[in-house]
Amino acid sequence: PAPRCSVSQNKLVERCERLQLQSAAIARHVDAVLPAKDQGVLSAASAARELVVQRLLFVGKACENEEQRLLERVHAEEERAHQSILTQQVHWTEALHKLGALRTYLVDMITNLDDQGLLRAEQEIFERTEVAEGILEPQESPKLNFNQTCVQSPLLHRLWASAVLCCLTGSQEIHIDEKTLSPQLSLSEDKRTLTFSPKKAKVDSDCPERFEHWPNALATAPFSSGVCAWKVSVEQSCAYKLGVCYSSVPRKGSANEGRLGFNAASWVFSRYDKEFRFLHAGQPQPVELIKAPAEIGVLLDFAGGELLFYDPDSCCILFSQRQPFLEPVYPVFAVAHQSISL
């Protein structure tokens, strides 16, 4: 029994020593490691706050400088156009005075001179009327218009696009109109994903709203004012189009006119394999990209007449088109490979 008792006692001693070591490690963790970690967190959080404040101050200063620069350019352009108009007013007022004086002179000649007097004054009359020949009629001149390009600013453009796409939740308001759905497209249960299928589904082909041949779909409601934005996930597809169109966009037939971007009623950003383009009225404009975007933000400034495509991941403007829209426009989509999602 004594040797067994001794073995048990030794085991208990070892257990006590291990417990003591474990307790010491925990105590050290509580007394030294955790306070140091806490201090590290406080320091890191303080540095992070300082970084945020400093960077936003820097951005704010850059925005203030850009604001001042652009407002000065607007003022200078306003002054230039105003002075041009004043110069024109002086010029044409003088021209009116000359023409009025000439007309008075000619009326006086006709009224007061007989035939012989008119013949003797013929040279003088010719010289006086020759002045009128040099006064041309007013012509339209771009110098008399305010040049909107004076406010072009890559910095403002990018910050504005970023702010709109971060602050607006336009994508939540966009819904696909199932009546417009091409037979080659299907809509997910949550109504947010369009999927392409080479095999056409059996649908009501007589529906006037439906795109009959090309794999297109339209949103339910148009935009006719303000600034609107929506995002589309495109990482699953290597053949798609995104943009806006008028309700008059062709829905029937297989002619090119029915393809988005190949008519005057649609404006779209297009991807086909590794080729990216902006399309409108059959006039493609290539877009050079280093890598394919996983998501694209579409931004529409209806009143400002601008349609912009944006990569939220890289904060990069993919393409911007200035276009006065003459009627309400609908968000429009096309998919020819796999799927895209709102």
Foldseek 3Di string as FASTA:
>chain_A
DVVVVVVVVVVVVVVVVVVVVVVVVVVCCVVPVVVVVVVVVVVVVVVVVVVVVVVVVVVVVVVVVLVVQLVVLQVVLVVQLVVVVVVVVVVVVVLVVLVVVLVVVVVCCVPPDDPVSCVVCVVVNVVSVVVNVPDDDDDDDCSNPRDPCSSDDPSCVLVVVLCCVVPDAQQVVWAWDPLAAEQQWDADPVRWKIFGDPDGHDDDCPRQNYQYPAGKIWTPDWDQAAKGKHKKFCQQAQWKKKFKFDSPQDRDDDDPSNDALCCQGHWIWTGHRPWTWIGHVNDTDTFDDPDDARMWMWMDHQVQQKIWIARNVVSDTRDMDRGHDPGTMIIMMGGDGTMMGD
